[in-house]
Amino acid sequence: MKPSSTLLLATAAALTTMATPQMASAQATASPYWVHLGPTSVQFVNGGDVVVGGGVVPNASTHASNNTTLGVELGYDLSPQWSARFTAGIPPTTQVSGTGNLSAAAGTPQPLAKVTYGPAVASVTWHPLGRTLGFSPYIGAGLNYPIIFKSEDQFLVNVRVHSKIGAAIQVGAEYAFDSKWGVFLDVKKLFTKVDVSANLPGGGPVATTTAKLNPLVVQMGVSYRF
C-alpha cells in the first residue's frame, strides 16, 4: 500500500473515532420534544357548486384568497424513525369571493365574506435515516380540521361556515446543527371541505356551497429541542 493511501486511511479512522462518541453523546442527550417555528404559506385550490334557493347557479363558484402566517409545529419522537406532530398557527383571514356568474361587473370577483380560521393538522411522520445530527428527510400522513374563529359578512349576510375533517399528507426535511438547534422545510397537502351557508342581501333566499379548498401549506424556519 502506498504511504499516501495509508495516511488517508489512518486519518479517516482517527476522525471516525473522534466523531462517533460526540454524535452518540449528542443523540443520547437530545430531547424527544421539539418545536418548528416559521413563516407559513397557505395556497388554496378552490371549487364547488353554489346553490341558491335549492337550485345550482350555473357557472358560479367561490374563491378563497391565499394567506401567509406564522406557523408552529409541536412534535414528539416516538422512536428514532417515527414522530408525532401537531401543526397550528396564528389564525389568518381569507377573503371569500364569488366568481363566474357570482362576479361583480366586468367579471371582477364579488367579495362575499371574510373568514378567520386556524388550520390544525395532526400527523405521524417516518424518517428513513432516523433522527440524527445532520440531514433527515421525512414523509407522513394524518388528519386536518380548519377551526373557524370568525365570519364577517360582506355581500352575503348571516354567513355560517362549518368545517369537516379531512386527510393530510406531508413531506419535508430537517438539518440539525446540534442536539437542540436546526432548520427545516415542510410541505403539507390538505384535503379540506367546508360547508358554507348565507342569506342574499335584502332578505333573499339562502345560498349554500360545499367549498373544496384543498390548500398546499408550505412552512420553513428553525427547529428547537426542549
C-alpha atoms as a PDB file:
ATOM      1  CA  MET A   1       0.000   0.000   0.000  1.00  0.00           C
ATOM      2  CA  LYS A   2       1.269   3.464  -0.864  1.00  0.00           C
ATOM      3  CA  PRO A   3       2.239   5.773   2.014  1.00  0.00           C
ATOM      4  CA  SER A   4      -0.334   8.329   0.880  1.00  0.00           C
ATOM      5  CA  SER A   5      -3.132   5.744   0.982  1.00  0.00           C
ATOM      6  CA  THR A   6      -2.031   4.577   4.405  1.00  0.00           C
ATOM      7  CA  LEU A   7      -2.065   8.168   5.660  1.00  0.00           C
ATOM      8  CA  LEU A   8      -5.577   8.770   4.301  1.00  0.00           C
ATOM      9  CA  LEU A   9      -6.931   5.600   5.913  1.00  0.00           C
ATOM     10  CA  ALA A  10      -5.326   6.454   9.228  1.00  0.00           C
ATOM     11  CA  THR A  11      -6.763   9.988   9.119  1.00  0.00           C
ATOM     12  CA  ALA A  12     -10.281   8.717   8.291  1.00  0.00           C
ATOM     13  CA  ALA A  13     -10.093   6.179  11.119  1.00  0.00           C
ATOM     14  CA  ALA A  14      -8.995   8.864  13.555  1.00  0.00           C
ATOM     15  CA  LEU A  15     -11.825  11.215  12.505  1.00  0.00           C
ATOM     16  CA  THR A  16     -14.381   8.422  12.815  1.00  0.00           C
ATOM     17  CA  THR A  17     -13.091   7.543  16.285  1.00  0.00           C
ATOM     18  CA  MET A  18     -13.350  11.170  17.342  1.00  0.00           C
ATOM     19  CA  ALA A  19     -16.767  11.905  15.737  1.00  0.00           C
ATOM     20  CA  THR A  20     -18.669   8.794  16.782  1.00  0.00           C
ATOM     21  CA  PRO A  21     -18.619   9.420  20.563  1.00  0.00           C
ATOM     22  CA  GLN A  22     -19.611  13.056  20.003  1.00  0.00           C
ATOM     23  CA  MET A  23     -22.581  12.169  17.802  1.00  0.00           C
ATOM     24  CA  ALA A  24     -23.633   9.341  20.111  1.00  0.00           C
ATOM     25  CA  SER A  25     -23.444  11.679  23.088  1.00  0.00           C
ATOM     26  CA  ALA A  26     -25.497  14.343  21.288  1.00  0.00           C
ATOM     27  CA  GLN A  27     -28.148  11.820  20.292  1.00  0.00           C
ATOM     28  CA  ALA A  28     -28.287  10.373  23.801  1.00  0.00           C
ATOM     29  CA  THR A  29     -28.859  13.795  25.376  1.00  0.00           C
ATOM     30  CA  ALA A  30     -31.296  15.103  22.723  1.00  0.00           C
ATOM     31  CA  SER A  31     -34.835  15.613  23.993  1.00  0.00           C
ATOM     32  CA  PRO A  32     -37.700  13.836  22.177  1.00  0.00           C
ATOM     33  CA  TYR A  33     -39.780  17.042  22.388  1.00  0.00           C
ATOM     34  CA  TRP A  34     -39.269  19.709  19.726  1.00  0.00           C
ATOM     35  CA  VAL A  35     -40.895  22.674  18.005  1.00  0.00           C
ATOM     36  CA  HIS A  36     -40.805  24.068  14.460  1.00  0.00           C
ATOM     37  CA  LEU A  37     -41.437  27.781  14.023  1.00  0.00           C
ATOM     38  CA  GLY A  38     -41.501  29.863  10.854  1.00  0.00           C
ATOM     39  CA  PRO A  39     -43.499  31.623   8.127  1.00  0.00           C
ATOM     40  CA  THR A  40     -46.228  29.512   6.549  1.00  0.00           C
ATOM     41  CA  SER A  41     -47.887  29.947   3.155  1.00  0.00           C
ATOM     42  CA  VAL A  42     -51.452  28.632   2.688  1.00  0.00           C
ATOM     43  CA  GLN A  43     -52.332  28.306  -1.012  1.00  0.00           C
ATOM     44  CA  PHE A  44     -55.932  27.303  -1.715  1.00  0.00           C
ATOM     45  CA  VAL A  45     -57.291  25.230  -4.594  1.00  0.00           C
ATOM     46  CA  ASN A  46     -60.888  26.394  -4.954  1.00  0.00           C
ATOM     47  CA  GLY A  47     -64.025  24.755  -6.297  1.00  0.00           C
ATOM     48  CA  GLY A  48     -67.603  23.705  -5.525  1.00  0.00           C
ATOM     49  CA  ASP A  49     -71.131  24.322  -6.778  1.00  0.00           C
ATOM     50  CA  VAL A  50     -73.182  27.209  -5.389  1.00  0.00           C
ATOM     51  CA  VAL A  51     -76.856  26.532  -4.602  1.00  0.00           C
ATOM     52  CA  VAL A  52     -79.384  29.378  -4.203  1.00  0.00           C
ATOM     53  CA  GLY A  53     -82.990  28.630  -3.285  1.00  0.00           C
ATOM     54  CA  GLY A  54     -82.464  24.929  -3.921  1.00  0.00           C
ATOM     55  CA  GLY A  55     -81.079  25.330  -7.456  1.00  0.00           C
ATOM     56  CA  VAL A  56     -77.475  25.208  -8.662  1.00  0.00           C
ATOM     57  CA  VAL A  57     -76.223  28.531 -10.044  1.00  0.00           C
ATOM     58  CA  PRO A  58     -74.618  27.757 -13.433  1.00  0.00           C
ATOM     59  CA  ASN A  59     -71.007  28.782 -13.985  1.00  0.00           C
ATOM     60  CA  ALA A  60     -70.642  30.038 -10.414  1.00  0.00           C
ATOM     61  CA  SER A  61     -68.074  29.236  -7.766  1.00  0.00           C
ATOM     62  CA  THR A  62     -66.243  30.740  -4.824  1.00  0.00           C
ATOM     63  CA  HIS A  63     -62.585  31.656  -4.382  1.00  0.00           C
ATOM     64  CA  ALA A  64     -60.591  31.929  -1.121  1.00  0.00           C
ATOM     65  CA  SER A  65     -57.502  34.148  -1.129  1.00  0.00           C
ATOM     66  CA  ASN A  66     -54.101  32.707  -0.196  1.00  0.00           C
ATOM     67  CA  ASN A  67     -52.529  33.579   3.156  1.00  0.00           C
ATOM     68  CA  THR A  68     -49.151  33.845   4.847  1.00  0.00           C
ATOM     69  CA  THR A  69     -48.949  33.487   8.617  1.00  0.00           C
ATOM     70  CA  LEU A  70     -46.642  32.344  11.424  1.00  0.00           C
ATOM     71  CA  GLY A  71     -46.922  28.599  11.895  1.00  0.00           C
ATOM     72  CA  VAL A  72     -45.868  26.364  14.768  1.00  0.00           C
ATOM     73  CA  GLU A  73     -45.477  22.593  14.796  1.00  0.00           C
ATOM     74  CA  LEU A  74     -45.082  20.705  18.074  1.00  0.00           C
ATOM     75  CA  GLY A  75     -43.563  17.232  17.891  1.00  0.00           C
ATOM     76  CA  TYR A  76     -42.564  14.175  19.882  1.00  0.00           C
ATOM     77  CA  ASP A  77     -40.188  11.453  18.718  1.00  0.00           C
ATOM     78  CA  LEU A  78     -41.878   8.096  19.223  1.00  0.00           C
ATOM     79  CA  SER A  79     -38.669   6.336  18.141  1.00  0.00           C
ATOM     80  CA  PRO A  80     -35.547   7.217  16.117  1.00  0.00           C
ATOM     81  CA  GLN A  81     -37.614   6.858  12.910  1.00  0.00           C
ATOM     82  CA  TRP A  82     -41.167   7.871  13.903  1.00  0.00           C
ATOM     83  CA  SER A  83     -42.553  11.201  15.131  1.00  0.00           C
ATOM     84  CA  ALA A  84     -45.986  12.504  16.123  1.00  0.00           C
ATOM     85  CA  ARG A  85     -46.772  16.112  15.159  1.00  0.00           C
ATOM     86  CA  PHE A  86     -49.410  18.793  15.673  1.00  0.00           C
ATOM     87  CA  THR A  87     -49.405  21.898  13.454  1.00  0.00           C
ATOM     88  CA  ALA A  88     -51.244  25.174  14.095  1.00  0.00           C
ATOM     89  CA  GLY A  89     -50.504  28.879  13.717  1.00  0.00           C
ATOM     90  CA  ILE A  90     -51.675  32.450  14.132  1.00  0.00           C
ATOM     91  CA  PRO A  91     -55.192  32.451  12.585  1.00  0.00           C
ATOM     92  CA  PRO A  92     -55.148  34.255   9.210  1.00  0.00           C
ATOM     93  CA  THR A  93     -58.156  35.824   7.449  1.00  0.00           C
ATOM     94  CA  THR A  94     -59.091  34.783   3.936  1.00  0.00           C
ATOM     95  CA  GLN A  95     -61.212  36.792   1.512  1.00  0.00           C
ATOM     96  CA  VAL A  96     -64.002  34.669   0.010  1.00  0.00           C
ATOM     97  CA  SER A  97     -65.192  35.985  -3.352  1.00  0.00           C
ATOM     98  CA  GLY A  98     -67.731  34.904  -5.937  1.00  0.00           C
ATOM     99  CA  THR A  99     -66.558  34.026  -9.438  1.00  0.00           C
ATOM    100  CA  GLY A 100     -68.277  33.258 -12.731  1.00  0.00           C
ATOM    101  CA  ASN A 101     -71.945  34.261 -12.511  1.00  0.00           C
ATOM    102  CA  LEU A 102     -71.302  35.442  -8.943  1.00  0.00           C
ATOM    103  CA  SER A 103     -68.774  38.012 -10.158  1.00  0.00           C
ATOM    104  CA  ALA A 104     -69.267  41.746  -9.905  1.00  0.00           C
ATOM    105  CA  ALA A 105     -69.369  43.920 -13.028  1.00  0.00           C
ATOM    106  CA  ALA A 106     -66.867  43.157 -15.807  1.00  0.00           C
ATOM    107  CA  GLY A 107     -66.037  39.758 -14.326  1.00  0.00           C
ATOM    108  CA  THR A 108     -64.420  41.185 -11.207  1.00  0.00           C
ATOM    109  CA  PRO A 109     -64.727  38.736  -8.276  1.00  0.00           C
ATOM    110  CA  GLN A 110     -67.501  39.773  -5.916  1.00  0.00           C
ATOM    111  CA  PRO A 111     -66.371  39.970  -2.240  1.00  0.00           C
ATOM    112  CA  LEU A 112     -68.785  37.712  -0.355  1.00  0.00           C
ATOM    113  CA  ALA A 113     -67.348  37.352   3.152  1.00  0.00           C
ATOM    114  CA  LYS A 114     -64.175  37.230   5.219  1.00  0.00           C
ATOM    115  CA  VAL A 115     -63.329  34.158   7.289  1.00  0.00           C
ATOM    116  CA  THR A 116     -60.727  33.931  10.063  1.00  0.00           C
ATOM    117  CA  TYR A 117     -59.554  30.355  10.502  1.00  0.00           C
ATOM    118  CA  GLY A 118     -56.840  28.237  12.064  1.00  0.00           C
ATOM    119  CA  PRO A 119     -55.561  25.213  10.143  1.00  0.00           C
ATOM    120  CA  ALA A 120     -54.941  22.343  12.592  1.00  0.00           C
ATOM    121  CA  VAL A 121     -53.100  19.198  11.451  1.00  0.00           C
ATOM    122  CA  ALA A 122     -52.235  16.057  13.435  1.00  0.00           C
ATOM    123  CA  SER A 123     -49.833  13.702  11.667  1.00  0.00           C
ATOM    124  CA  VAL A 124     -47.272  10.931  12.045  1.00  0.00           C
ATOM    125  CA  THR A 125     -44.027  11.018  10.043  1.00  0.00           C
ATOM    126  CA  TRP A 126     -41.405   8.420   9.137  1.00  0.00           C
ATOM    127  CA  HIS A 127     -37.719   9.336   8.975  1.00  0.00           C
ATOM    128  CA  PRO A 128     -35.872   6.748   6.842  1.00  0.00           C
ATOM    129  CA  LEU A 129     -32.447   7.991   8.004  1.00  0.00           C
ATOM    130  CA  GLY A 130     -33.502   8.321  11.644  1.00  0.00           C
ATOM    131  CA  ARG A 131     -33.432  11.453  13.796  1.00  0.00           C
ATOM    132  CA  THR A 132     -29.687  12.085  13.864  1.00  0.00           C
ATOM    133  CA  LEU A 133     -27.451  15.111  13.586  1.00  0.00           C
ATOM    134  CA  GLY A 134     -27.311  16.407  10.045  1.00  0.00           C
ATOM    135  CA  PHE A 135     -29.812  15.817   7.241  1.00  0.00           C
ATOM    136  CA  SER A 136     -33.085  13.968   7.958  1.00  0.00           C
ATOM    137  CA  PRO A 137     -35.872  13.752   5.330  1.00  0.00           C
ATOM    138  CA  TYR A 138     -39.362  12.502   6.240  1.00  0.00           C
ATOM    139  CA  ILE A 139     -42.793  11.636   4.883  1.00  0.00           C
ATOM    140  CA  GLY A 140     -46.074  11.293   6.713  1.00  0.00           C
ATOM    141  CA  ALA A 141     -49.850  11.440   6.802  1.00  0.00           C
ATOM    142  CA  GLY A 142     -52.608  12.482   9.163  1.00  0.00           C
ATOM    143  CA  LEU A 143     -55.831  14.449   9.594  1.00  0.00           C
ATOM    144  CA  ASN A 144     -56.657  18.146   9.287  1.00  0.00           C
ATOM    145  CA  TYR A 145     -59.509  20.287  10.610  1.00  0.00           C
ATOM    146  CA  PRO A 146     -59.865  24.015   9.838  1.00  0.00           C
ATOM    147  CA  ILE A 147     -61.012  25.802  13.009  1.00  0.00           C
ATOM    148  CA  ILE A 148     -63.327  28.724  12.142  1.00  0.00           C
ATOM    149  CA  PHE A 149     -62.907  31.640  14.559  1.00  0.00           C
ATOM    150  CA  LYS A 150     -64.946  34.385  12.865  1.00  0.00           C
ATOM    151  CA  SER A 151     -67.041  35.070   9.769  1.00  0.00           C
ATOM    152  CA  GLU A 152     -67.523  38.665   8.569  1.00  0.00           C
ATOM    153  CA  ASP A 153     -70.455  39.497   6.297  1.00  0.00           C
ATOM    154  CA  GLN A 154     -69.839  41.461   3.113  1.00  0.00           C
ATOM    155  CA  PHE A 155     -72.141  40.965   0.105  1.00  0.00           C
ATOM    156  CA  LEU A 156     -73.670  37.970   1.849  1.00  0.00           C
ATOM    157  CA  VAL A 157     -75.290  38.191   5.289  1.00  0.00           C
ATOM    158  CA  ASN A 158     -75.565  35.718   8.159  1.00  0.00           C
ATOM    159  CA  VAL A 159     -72.540  33.805   6.857  1.00  0.00           C
ATOM    160  CA  ARG A 160     -72.053  30.434   8.567  1.00  0.00           C
ATOM    161  CA  VAL A 161     -69.076  28.148   7.923  1.00  0.00           C
ATOM    162  CA  HIS A 162     -68.901  24.546   9.138  1.00  0.00           C
ATOM    163  CA  SER A 163     -65.673  22.567   8.905  1.00  0.00           C
ATOM    164  CA  LYS A 164     -65.131  18.929   8.066  1.00  0.00           C
ATOM    165  CA  ILE A 165     -62.294  16.585   8.992  1.00  0.00           C
ATOM    166  CA  GLY A 166     -60.042  15.794   6.035  1.00  0.00           C
ATOM    167  CA  ALA A 167     -56.881  13.889   5.193  1.00  0.00           C
ATOM    168  CA  ALA A 168     -53.360  15.315   5.082  1.00  0.00           C
ATOM    169  CA  ILE A 169     -50.100  14.148   3.520  1.00  0.00           C
ATOM    170  CA  GLN A 170     -46.722  15.589   4.411  1.00  0.00           C
ATOM    171  CA  VAL A 171     -43.129  15.641   3.185  1.00  0.00           C
ATOM    172  CA  GLY A 172     -40.134  17.591   4.396  1.00  0.00           C
ATOM    173  CA  ALA A 173     -36.573  17.625   5.649  1.00  0.00           C
ATOM    174  CA  GLU A 174     -34.636  18.868   8.656  1.00  0.00           C
ATOM    175  CA  TYR A 175     -30.992  19.694   9.237  1.00  0.00           C
ATOM    176  CA  ALA A 176     -29.839  19.531  12.857  1.00  0.00           C
ATOM    177  CA  PHE A 177     -26.780  21.628  13.742  1.00  0.00           C
ATOM    178  CA  ASP A 178     -26.523  20.142  17.236  1.00  0.00           C
ATOM    179  CA  SER A 179     -28.741  18.401  19.814  1.00  0.00           C
ATOM    180  CA  LYS A 180     -31.021  21.472  20.102  1.00  0.00           C
ATOM    181  CA  TRP A 181     -30.996  23.728  17.024  1.00  0.00           C
ATOM    182  CA  GLY A 182     -31.723  23.122  13.355  1.00  0.00           C
ATOM    183  CA  VAL A 183     -33.622  24.300  10.276  1.00  0.00           C
ATOM    184  CA  PHE A 184     -36.455  22.684   8.320  1.00  0.00           C
ATOM    185  CA  LEU A 185     -38.642  22.807   5.207  1.00  0.00           C
ATOM    186  CA  ASP A 186     -42.107  21.228   5.338  1.00  0.00           C
ATOM    187  CA  VAL A 187     -44.875  20.807   2.731  1.00  0.00           C
ATOM    188  CA  LYS A 188     -48.375  19.567   3.523  1.00  0.00           C
ATOM    189  CA  LYS A 189     -51.286  18.877   1.163  1.00  0.00           C
ATOM    190  CA  LEU A 190     -54.610  19.149   2.970  1.00  0.00           C
ATOM    191  CA  PHE A 191     -57.830  17.727   1.571  1.00  0.00           C
ATOM    192  CA  THR A 192     -60.347  20.127   3.089  1.00  0.00           C
ATOM    193  CA  LYS A 193     -64.041  20.829   2.559  1.00  0.00           C
ATOM    194  CA  VAL A 194     -66.233  23.373   4.344  1.00  0.00           C
ATOM    195  CA  ASP A 195     -70.000  23.838   4.210  1.00  0.00           C
ATOM    196  CA  VAL A 196     -70.952  27.494   3.796  1.00  0.00           C
ATOM    197  CA  SER A 197     -74.457  28.971   4.067  1.00  0.00           C
ATOM    198  CA  ALA A 198     -75.604  32.599   3.962  1.00  0.00           C
ATOM    199  CA  ASN A 199     -78.504  34.822   3.008  1.00  0.00           C
ATOM    200  CA  LEU A 200     -78.544  37.059  -0.050  1.00  0.00           C
ATOM    201  CA  PRO A 201     -78.919  40.803   0.617  1.00  0.00           C
ATOM    202  CA  GLY A 202     -82.352  42.227   1.382  1.00  0.00           C
ATOM    203  CA  GLY A 203     -83.741  39.055   2.910  1.00  0.00           C
ATOM    204  CA  GLY A 204     -83.081  36.959  -0.192  1.00  0.00           C
ATOM    205  CA  PRO A 205     -83.000  33.159  -0.228  1.00  0.00           C
ATOM    206  CA  VAL A 206     -80.295  31.088   1.418  1.00  0.00           C
ATOM    207  CA  ALA A 207     -77.175  30.390  -0.644  1.00  0.00           C
ATOM    208  CA  THR A 208     -75.088  27.306   0.143  1.00  0.00           C
ATOM    209  CA  THR A 209     -71.910  25.708  -1.131  1.00  0.00           C
ATOM    210  CA  THR A 210     -69.548  22.917  -0.163  1.00  0.00           C
ATOM    211  CA  ALA A 211     -66.195  24.508  -0.920  1.00  0.00           C
ATOM    212  CA  LYS A 212     -63.260  22.249  -1.800  1.00  0.00           C
ATOM    213  CA  LEU A 213     -60.290  24.247  -0.533  1.00  0.00           C
ATOM    214  CA  ASN A 214     -57.518  21.581  -0.562  1.00  0.00           C
ATOM    215  CA  PRO A 215     -54.707  24.006   0.399  1.00  0.00           C
ATOM    216  CA  LEU A 216     -50.995  23.454  -0.077  1.00  0.00           C
ATOM    217  CA  VAL A 217     -49.268  24.505   3.161  1.00  0.00           C
ATOM    218  CA  VAL A 218     -45.555  25.328   2.899  1.00  0.00           C
ATOM    219  CA  GLN A 219     -43.532  26.180   6.011  1.00  0.00           C
ATOM    220  CA  MET A 220     -39.842  26.822   6.661  1.00  0.00           C
ATOM    221  CA  GLY A 221     -37.912  28.052   9.653  1.00  0.00           C
ATOM    222  CA  VAL A 222     -35.985  26.983  12.740  1.00  0.00           C
ATOM    223  CA  SER A 223     -36.355  23.908  14.944  1.00  0.00           C
ATOM    224  CA  TYR A 224     -35.579  23.641  18.643  1.00  0.00           C
ATOM    225  CA  ARG A 225     -35.482  20.678  21.017  1.00  0.00           C
ATOM    226  CA  PHE A 226     -36.551  21.293  24.599  1.00  0.00           C
END
